[in-house]
């Protein structure tokens, strides 16, 4: 039950942000590789190109290379984010089709056993509050769905 709640929370976060473990890993790798590339390749390329074409052309060439590399990493991140968002939204739709956890026969059986142990008269206020809460929650969810449809 708690695992399902955690899973639902993770899926909702992925749906809103598009973030995933793979995306974070790629961003981290891109950051490290960018620093290494900037330090070593920029100095070497600039020195070599400055000898051939002059300082201004060498700087422009090295800068353009780094812009292209950053653009390719950014493109990969955007593609990953869109894919993760679509997958998370699809998973939310499949989760929405599943019955609620409290309708599980095992949960209902445990509830009945607890009610027998404690006694129905002592539990009746809690049952009434629970029914009221479920009713209000489903009505609120229905209204939210209607507002999203418009």
N, C-alpha and C. Protein backbone atom coordinates (compact mmCIF):
# COMPACT_ATOMS: atom_id res chain seq x y z
N UNK A 1 0.82 -1.18 0.00
CA UNK A 1 0.00 0.00 0.00
C UNK A 1 0.87 1.25 0.00
N UNK A 2 1.86 1.31 0.89
CA UNK A 2 2.75 2.48 0.93
C UNK A 2 3.60 2.54 -0.34
N UNK A 3 3.99 1.35 -0.82
CA UNK A 3 4.77 1.33 -2.07
C UNK A 3 3.97 1.92 -3.22
N UNK A 4 2.66 1.63 -3.25
CA UNK A 4 1.79 2.19 -4.29
C UNK A 4 1.71 3.71 -4.19
N UNK A 5 1.62 4.21 -2.96
CA UNK A 5 1.56 5.66 -2.77
C UNK A 5 2.85 6.33 -3.23
N UNK A 6 3.99 5.71 -2.89
CA UNK A 6 5.28 6.26 -3.31
C UNK A 6 5.39 6.20 -4.83
N UNK A 7 4.98 5.07 -5.41
CA UNK A 7 5.03 4.92 -6.87
C UNK A 7 4.16 5.97 -7.55
N UNK A 8 2.96 6.21 -7.02
CA UNK A 8 2.08 7.23 -7.60
C UNK A 8 2.70 8.61 -7.50
N UNK A 9 3.35 8.90 -6.37
CA UNK A 9 4.00 10.20 -6.20
C UNK A 9 5.13 10.37 -7.22
N UNK A 10 5.94 9.32 -7.40
CA UNK A 10 7.05 9.39 -8.37
C UNK A 10 6.52 9.59 -9.77
N UNK A 11 5.46 8.88 -10.12
CA UNK A 11 4.89 9.01 -11.47
C UNK A 11 4.34 10.41 -11.69
N UNK A 12 3.68 10.98 -10.68
CA UNK A 12 3.14 12.33 -10.83
C UNK A 12 4.25 13.36 -10.97
N UNK A 13 5.34 13.18 -10.23
CA UNK A 13 6.47 14.10 -10.36
C UNK A 13 7.07 14.00 -11.75
N UNK A 14 7.23 12.78 -12.26
CA UNK A 14 7.75 12.60 -13.61
C UNK A 14 6.83 13.22 -14.65
N UNK A 15 5.52 13.11 -14.43
CA UNK A 15 4.57 13.68 -15.38
C UNK A 15 4.65 15.20 -15.41
N UNK A 16 4.84 15.80 -14.26
CA UNK A 16 4.91 17.27 -14.21
C UNK A 16 6.24 17.82 -14.68
N UNK A 17 7.33 17.16 -14.32
CA UNK A 17 8.65 17.72 -14.62
C UNK A 17 9.32 17.07 -15.81
N UNK A 18 9.00 15.82 -16.10
CA UNK A 18 9.69 15.10 -17.16
C UNK A 18 11.05 14.59 -16.73
N UNK A 19 11.38 14.70 -15.46
CA UNK A 19 12.69 14.28 -14.96
C UNK A 19 12.70 12.77 -14.71
N UNK A 20 13.88 12.18 -14.83
CA UNK A 20 14.08 10.77 -14.51
C UNK A 20 15.52 10.57 -14.08
N UNK A 21 15.81 9.35 -13.65
CA UNK A 21 17.17 9.04 -13.24
C UNK A 21 18.13 9.17 -14.43
N UNK A 22 17.68 8.72 -15.59
CA UNK A 22 18.53 8.78 -16.78
C UNK A 22 18.81 10.23 -17.17
N UNK A 23 17.81 11.08 -17.08
CA UNK A 23 17.99 12.49 -17.43
C UNK A 23 19.01 13.14 -16.50
N UNK A 24 18.90 12.89 -15.20
CA UNK A 24 19.85 13.46 -14.25
C UNK A 24 21.26 12.95 -14.54
N UNK A 25 21.38 11.68 -14.85
CA UNK A 25 22.68 11.11 -15.19
C UNK A 25 23.28 11.77 -16.42
N UNK A 26 22.47 11.96 -17.45
CA UNK A 26 22.97 12.59 -18.68
C UNK A 26 23.39 14.04 -18.43
N UNK A 27 22.64 14.76 -17.62
CA UNK A 27 23.00 16.14 -17.31
C UNK A 27 24.33 16.17 -16.55
N UNK A 28 24.49 15.27 -15.60
CA UNK A 28 25.73 15.20 -14.82
C UNK A 28 26.92 14.85 -15.72
N UNK A 29 26.75 13.86 -16.59
CA UNK A 29 27.82 13.48 -17.52
C UNK A 29 28.15 14.64 -18.46
N UNK A 30 27.13 15.31 -18.96
CA UNK A 30 27.35 16.44 -19.85
C UNK A 30 28.12 17.56 -19.16
N UNK A 31 27.81 17.80 -17.90
CA UNK A 31 28.52 18.85 -17.16
C UNK A 31 29.99 18.50 -16.97
N UNK A 32 30.27 17.30 -16.58
CA UNK A 32 31.67 16.89 -16.38
C UNK A 32 32.43 16.92 -17.70
N UNK A 33 31.85 16.35 -18.74
CA UNK A 33 32.53 16.32 -20.03
C UNK A 33 32.70 17.72 -20.61
N UNK A 34 31.77 18.59 -20.34
CA UNK A 34 31.90 19.96 -20.84
C UNK A 34 33.07 20.67 -20.19
N UNK A 35 33.24 20.49 -18.90
CA UNK A 35 34.37 21.13 -18.21
C UNK A 35 35.69 20.60 -18.74
N UNK A 36 35.79 19.28 -18.87
CA UNK A 36 37.03 18.69 -19.39
C UNK A 36 37.31 19.17 -20.81
N UNK A 37 36.28 19.17 -21.64
CA UNK A 37 36.46 19.59 -23.03
C UNK A 37 36.85 21.05 -23.12
N UNK A 38 36.23 21.88 -22.32
CA UNK A 38 36.54 23.31 -22.36
C UNK A 38 37.98 23.56 -21.96
N UNK A 39 38.43 22.91 -20.92
CA UNK A 39 39.78 23.17 -20.42
C UNK A 39 40.84 22.69 -21.40
N UNK A 40 40.80 21.42 -21.76
CA UNK A 40 41.88 20.85 -22.55
C UNK A 40 41.77 21.14 -24.04
N UNK A 41 40.63 20.87 -24.63
CA UNK A 41 40.50 21.05 -26.07
C UNK A 41 40.49 22.51 -26.49
N UNK A 42 39.93 23.35 -25.67
CA UNK A 42 39.90 24.77 -26.05
C UNK A 42 41.30 25.36 -26.13
N UNK A 43 42.11 25.06 -25.14
CA UNK A 43 43.47 25.60 -25.14
C UNK A 43 44.27 25.04 -26.31
N UNK A 44 44.16 23.74 -26.52
CA UNK A 44 44.92 23.12 -27.62
C UNK A 44 44.43 23.61 -28.98
N UNK A 45 43.12 23.66 -29.16
CA UNK A 45 42.59 24.10 -30.44
C UNK A 45 42.91 25.56 -30.71
N UNK A 46 42.79 26.37 -29.69
CA UNK A 46 43.09 27.79 -29.88
C UNK A 46 44.56 28.00 -30.25
N UNK A 47 45.43 27.32 -29.56
CA UNK A 47 46.86 27.48 -29.86
C UNK A 47 47.16 27.03 -31.29
N UNK A 48 46.60 25.94 -31.70
CA UNK A 48 46.87 25.43 -33.04
C UNK A 48 46.27 26.35 -34.11
N UNK A 49 44.99 26.75 -33.91
CA UNK A 49 44.34 27.59 -34.91
C UNK A 49 44.90 29.01 -34.93
N UNK A 50 45.35 29.51 -33.79
CA UNK A 50 45.94 30.85 -33.75
C UNK A 50 47.21 30.89 -34.58
N UNK A 51 47.95 29.81 -34.57
CA UNK A 51 49.16 29.74 -35.40
C UNK A 51 48.84 29.72 -36.88
N UNK A 52 47.73 29.12 -37.25
CA UNK A 52 47.36 29.01 -38.66
C UNK A 52 46.59 30.23 -39.18
N UNK A 53 45.57 30.70 -38.43
CA UNK A 53 44.66 31.71 -38.94
C UNK A 53 44.63 33.02 -38.15
N UNK A 54 45.24 33.07 -37.01
CA UNK A 54 45.19 34.27 -36.18
C UNK A 54 44.24 34.06 -34.99
N UNK A 55 44.36 34.96 -34.02
CA UNK A 55 43.63 34.81 -32.76
C UNK A 55 42.11 34.89 -32.89
N UNK A 56 41.60 35.82 -33.70
CA UNK A 56 40.15 36.00 -33.81
C UNK A 56 39.48 34.79 -34.44
N UNK A 57 40.04 34.30 -35.51
CA UNK A 57 39.46 33.13 -36.18
C UNK A 57 39.55 31.89 -35.30
N UNK A 58 40.63 31.76 -34.56
CA UNK A 58 40.79 30.61 -33.67
C UNK A 58 39.73 30.64 -32.57
N UNK A 59 39.51 31.79 -31.98
CA UNK A 59 38.48 31.91 -30.94
C UNK A 59 37.08 31.61 -31.47
N UNK A 60 36.78 32.09 -32.67
CA UNK A 60 35.46 31.84 -33.26
C UNK A 60 35.26 30.36 -33.55
N UNK A 61 36.27 29.70 -34.05
CA UNK A 61 36.15 28.28 -34.38
C UNK A 61 35.97 27.44 -33.13
N UNK A 62 36.75 27.71 -32.10
CA UNK A 62 36.64 26.95 -30.85
C UNK A 62 35.28 27.21 -30.20
N UNK A 63 34.83 28.44 -30.20
CA UNK A 63 33.52 28.77 -29.63
C UNK A 63 32.38 28.09 -30.35
N UNK A 64 32.42 28.06 -31.68
CA UNK A 64 31.37 27.41 -32.46
C UNK A 64 31.31 25.91 -32.17
N UNK A 65 32.46 25.30 -32.01
CA UNK A 65 32.48 23.88 -31.68
C UNK A 65 31.78 23.62 -30.35
N UNK A 66 32.05 24.46 -29.38
CA UNK A 66 31.44 24.26 -28.06
C UNK A 66 29.94 24.54 -28.08
N UNK A 67 29.53 25.47 -28.87
CA UNK A 67 28.10 25.74 -29.01
C UNK A 67 27.39 24.53 -29.63
N UNK A 68 27.99 23.91 -30.64
CA UNK A 68 27.40 22.72 -31.26
C UNK A 68 27.32 21.56 -30.28
N UNK A 69 28.36 21.36 -29.49
CA UNK A 69 28.35 20.28 -28.50
C UNK A 69 27.26 20.52 -27.44
N UNK A 70 27.15 21.74 -26.96
CA UNK A 70 26.13 22.06 -25.97
C UNK A 70 24.73 21.91 -26.55
N UNK A 71 24.56 22.27 -27.82
CA UNK A 71 23.25 22.14 -28.46
C UNK A 71 22.84 20.67 -28.60
N UNK A 72 23.80 19.80 -28.89
CA UNK A 72 23.46 18.38 -29.00
C UNK A 72 23.06 17.80 -27.64
N UNK A 73 23.73 18.20 -26.57
CA UNK A 73 23.37 17.72 -25.23
C UNK A 73 22.01 18.26 -24.84
N UNK A 74 21.76 19.52 -25.12
CA UNK A 74 20.47 20.12 -24.80
C UNK A 74 19.34 19.44 -25.58
N UNK A 75 19.59 19.10 -26.83
CA UNK A 75 18.59 18.41 -27.63
C UNK A 75 18.27 17.05 -27.03
N UNK A 76 19.29 16.31 -26.60
CA UNK A 76 19.07 15.01 -25.97
C UNK A 76 18.25 15.15 -24.68
N UNK A 77 18.52 16.17 -23.89
CA UNK A 77 17.77 16.40 -22.65
C UNK A 77 16.31 16.72 -22.94
N UNK A 78 16.05 17.50 -23.97
CA UNK A 78 14.68 17.85 -24.33
C UNK A 78 13.92 16.61 -24.81
N UNK A 79 14.57 15.79 -25.62
CA UNK A 79 13.93 14.57 -26.11
C UNK A 79 13.62 13.63 -24.94
N UNK A 80 14.56 13.47 -24.02
CA UNK A 80 14.34 12.62 -22.85
C UNK A 80 13.20 13.14 -21.99
N UNK A 81 13.15 14.45 -21.79
CA UNK A 81 12.10 15.03 -20.96
C UNK A 81 10.73 14.80 -21.57
N UNK A 82 10.60 15.00 -22.86
CA UNK A 82 9.31 14.79 -23.52
C UNK A 82 8.89 13.33 -23.46
N UNK A 83 9.85 12.42 -23.67
CA UNK A 83 9.53 10.99 -23.61
C UNK A 83 9.11 10.59 -22.20
N UNK A 84 9.83 11.07 -21.20
CA UNK A 84 9.50 10.74 -19.81
C UNK A 84 8.13 11.28 -19.42
N UNK A 85 7.82 12.46 -19.89
CA UNK A 85 6.52 13.05 -19.60
C UNK A 85 5.40 12.22 -20.22
N UNK A 86 5.59 11.80 -21.46
CA UNK A 86 4.57 11.00 -22.14
C UNK A 86 4.40 9.64 -21.46
N UNK A 87 5.51 9.02 -21.08
CA UNK A 87 5.42 7.72 -20.39
C UNK A 87 4.73 7.86 -19.04
N UNK A 88 5.05 8.91 -18.31
CA UNK A 88 4.44 9.11 -17.00
C UNK A 88 2.95 9.39 -17.13
N UNK A 89 2.55 10.18 -18.12
CA UNK A 89 1.13 10.45 -18.32
C UNK A 89 0.38 9.19 -18.71
N UNK A 90 1.00 8.33 -19.52
CA UNK A 90 0.38 7.06 -19.88
C UNK A 90 0.24 6.17 -18.65
N UNK A 91 1.23 6.18 -17.77
CA UNK A 91 1.15 5.37 -16.56
C UNK A 91 0.09 5.91 -15.61
N UNK A 92 -0.07 7.23 -15.55
CA UNK A 92 -1.13 7.82 -14.72
C UNK A 92 -2.50 7.37 -15.23
N UNK A 93 -2.66 7.31 -16.55
CA UNK A 93 -3.94 6.87 -17.11
C UNK A 93 -4.22 5.41 -16.76
N UNK A 94 -3.20 4.56 -16.79
CA UNK A 94 -3.42 3.16 -16.44
C UNK A 94 -3.68 3.00 -14.94
N UNK A 95 -3.03 3.82 -14.11
CA UNK A 95 -3.27 3.76 -12.68
C UNK A 95 -4.68 4.22 -12.36
N UNK A 96 -5.17 5.22 -13.09
CA UNK A 96 -6.51 5.74 -12.85
C UNK A 96 -7.58 4.69 -13.15
N UNK A 97 -7.28 3.76 -14.05
CA UNK A 97 -8.24 2.71 -14.40
C UNK A 97 -8.27 1.60 -13.36
N UNK A 98 -7.25 1.51 -12.50
CA UNK A 98 -7.21 0.48 -11.48
C UNK A 98 -8.14 0.85 -10.33
N UNK A 99 -8.72 -0.17 -9.69
CA UNK A 99 -9.60 0.13 -8.57
C UNK A 99 -8.81 0.69 -7.38
N UNK A 100 -9.49 1.42 -6.53
CA UNK A 100 -8.86 2.02 -5.37
C UNK A 100 -8.38 0.93 -4.41
N UNK A 101 -7.37 1.25 -3.62
CA UNK A 101 -6.79 0.25 -2.71
C UNK A 101 -7.79 -0.19 -1.66
N UNK A 102 -8.70 0.67 -1.28
CA UNK A 102 -9.64 0.32 -0.22
C UNK A 102 -10.74 -0.60 -0.70
N UNK A 103 -10.84 -0.85 -2.01
CA UNK A 103 -11.82 -1.80 -2.53
C UNK A 103 -11.23 -3.20 -2.65
N UNK A 104 -9.97 -3.36 -2.31
CA UNK A 104 -9.32 -4.66 -2.34
C UNK A 104 -9.96 -5.57 -1.30
N UNK A 105 -10.31 -6.80 -1.67
CA UNK A 105 -10.97 -7.70 -0.72
C UNK A 105 -10.13 -7.97 0.55
N UNK A 106 -8.82 -7.98 0.40
CA UNK A 106 -7.97 -8.20 1.57
C UNK A 106 -8.08 -7.05 2.57
N UNK A 107 -8.10 -5.83 2.06
CA UNK A 107 -8.22 -4.66 2.94
C UNK A 107 -9.60 -4.64 3.60
N UNK A 108 -10.63 -4.98 2.84
CA UNK A 108 -11.97 -5.02 3.40
C UNK A 108 -12.08 -6.10 4.48
N UNK A 109 -11.45 -7.26 4.25
CA UNK A 109 -11.49 -8.33 5.25
C UNK A 109 -10.79 -7.90 6.53
N UNK A 110 -9.67 -7.24 6.41
CA UNK A 110 -8.95 -6.75 7.59
C UNK A 110 -9.81 -5.72 8.33
N UNK A 111 -10.46 -4.84 7.60
CA UNK A 111 -11.34 -3.86 8.22
C UNK A 111 -12.49 -4.50 8.96
N UNK A 112 -13.07 -5.54 8.37
CA UNK A 112 -14.16 -6.25 9.05
C UNK A 112 -13.68 -6.93 10.33
N UNK A 113 -12.51 -7.53 10.29
CA UNK A 113 -11.96 -8.18 11.48
C UNK A 113 -11.68 -7.16 12.58
N UNK A 114 -11.13 -6.01 12.22
CA UNK A 114 -10.88 -4.95 13.21
C UNK A 114 -12.20 -4.46 13.79
N UNK A 115 -13.21 -4.33 12.94
CA UNK A 115 -14.52 -3.89 13.42
C UNK A 115 -15.12 -4.91 14.39
N UNK A 116 -14.94 -6.18 14.12
CA UNK A 116 -15.45 -7.22 15.03
C UNK A 116 -14.73 -7.17 16.38
N UNK A 117 -13.42 -6.94 16.33
CA UNK A 117 -12.64 -6.91 17.57
C UNK A 117 -13.01 -5.70 18.42
N UNK A 118 -13.06 -4.54 17.82
CA UNK A 118 -13.32 -3.30 18.56
C UNK A 118 -14.81 -3.15 18.87
N UNK A 119 -15.64 -3.50 17.95
CA UNK A 119 -17.08 -3.36 18.13
C UNK A 119 -17.63 -2.30 17.20
N UNK A 120 -18.80 -2.62 16.62
CA UNK A 120 -19.38 -1.74 15.62
C UNK A 120 -19.85 -0.41 16.21
N UNK A 121 -20.34 -0.43 17.42
CA UNK A 121 -20.86 0.81 18.01
C UNK A 121 -19.74 1.83 18.24
N UNK A 122 -18.57 1.35 18.62
CA UNK A 122 -17.45 2.28 18.85
C UNK A 122 -16.89 2.80 17.53
N UNK A 123 -17.02 2.01 16.48
CA UNK A 123 -16.45 2.40 15.19
C UNK A 123 -17.41 3.18 14.30
N UNK A 124 -18.69 3.21 14.62
CA UNK A 124 -19.65 3.84 13.72
C UNK A 124 -19.35 5.31 13.43
N UNK A 125 -18.89 6.13 14.39
CA UNK A 125 -18.55 7.51 14.02
C UNK A 125 -17.39 7.59 13.01
N UNK A 126 -16.42 6.69 13.16
CA UNK A 126 -15.28 6.69 12.24
C UNK A 126 -15.71 6.23 10.85
N UNK A 127 -16.59 5.24 10.80
CA UNK A 127 -17.10 4.77 9.51
C UNK A 127 -17.88 5.88 8.82
N UNK A 128 -18.71 6.58 9.57
CA UNK A 128 -19.48 7.68 8.99
C UNK A 128 -18.56 8.78 8.47
N UNK A 129 -17.53 9.11 9.24
CA UNK A 129 -16.57 10.12 8.79
C UNK A 129 -15.82 9.66 7.55
N UNK A 130 -15.48 8.39 7.50
CA UNK A 130 -14.79 7.86 6.33
C UNK A 130 -15.64 7.90 5.08
N UNK A 131 -16.93 7.52 5.23
CA UNK A 131 -17.84 7.57 4.08
C UNK A 131 -18.01 9.00 3.61
N UNK A 132 -18.15 9.93 4.55
CA UNK A 132 -18.27 11.34 4.19
C UNK A 132 -17.02 11.84 3.47
N UNK A 133 -15.85 11.46 3.97
CA UNK A 133 -14.59 11.90 3.34
C UNK A 133 -14.46 11.33 1.93
N UNK A 134 -14.80 10.07 1.74
CA UNK A 134 -14.72 9.46 0.40
C UNK A 134 -15.70 10.14 -0.54
N UNK A 135 -16.89 10.43 -0.06
CA UNK A 135 -17.90 11.09 -0.89
C UNK A 135 -17.44 12.48 -1.32
N UNK A 136 -16.93 13.26 -0.36
CA UNK A 136 -16.46 14.60 -0.69
C UNK A 136 -15.25 14.57 -1.61
N UNK A 137 -14.37 13.60 -1.38
CA UNK A 137 -13.18 13.49 -2.22
C UNK A 137 -13.55 13.13 -3.64
N UNK A 138 -14.47 12.18 -3.81
CA UNK A 138 -14.86 11.79 -5.17
C UNK A 138 -15.59 12.92 -5.87
N UNK A 139 -16.39 13.69 -5.10
CA UNK A 139 -17.08 14.83 -5.70
C UNK A 139 -16.09 15.90 -6.13
N UNK A 140 -15.06 16.15 -5.30
CA UNK A 140 -14.04 17.12 -5.65
C UNK A 140 -13.25 16.67 -6.88
N UNK A 141 -12.91 15.37 -6.94
CA UNK A 141 -12.19 14.84 -8.10
C UNK A 141 -13.04 14.94 -9.35
N UNK A 142 -14.36 14.71 -9.23
CA UNK A 142 -15.24 14.81 -10.38
C UNK A 142 -15.30 16.25 -10.88
N UNK A 143 -15.40 17.20 -9.95
CA UNK A 143 -15.41 18.62 -10.34
C UNK A 143 -14.11 19.04 -10.98
N UNK A 144 -12.99 18.54 -10.45
CA UNK A 144 -11.68 18.87 -11.03
C UNK A 144 -11.58 18.30 -12.44
N UNK A 145 -12.12 17.10 -12.64
CA UNK A 145 -12.11 16.51 -13.98
C UNK A 145 -12.98 17.29 -14.95
N UNK A 146 -14.12 17.77 -14.46
CA UNK A 146 -14.98 18.60 -15.31
C UNK A 146 -14.31 19.90 -15.68
N UNK A 147 -13.60 20.52 -14.74
CA UNK A 147 -12.91 21.77 -15.03
C UNK A 147 -11.78 21.56 -16.03
N UNK A 148 -11.08 20.41 -15.94
CA UNK A 148 -10.01 20.14 -16.90
C UNK A 148 -10.55 19.89 -18.29
N UNK A 149 -11.76 19.34 -18.37
CA UNK A 149 -12.36 19.03 -19.69
C UNK A 149 -12.74 20.30 -20.43
N UNK A 150 -13.01 21.39 -19.69
CA UNK A 150 -13.45 22.64 -20.33
C UNK A 150 -12.32 23.50 -20.68
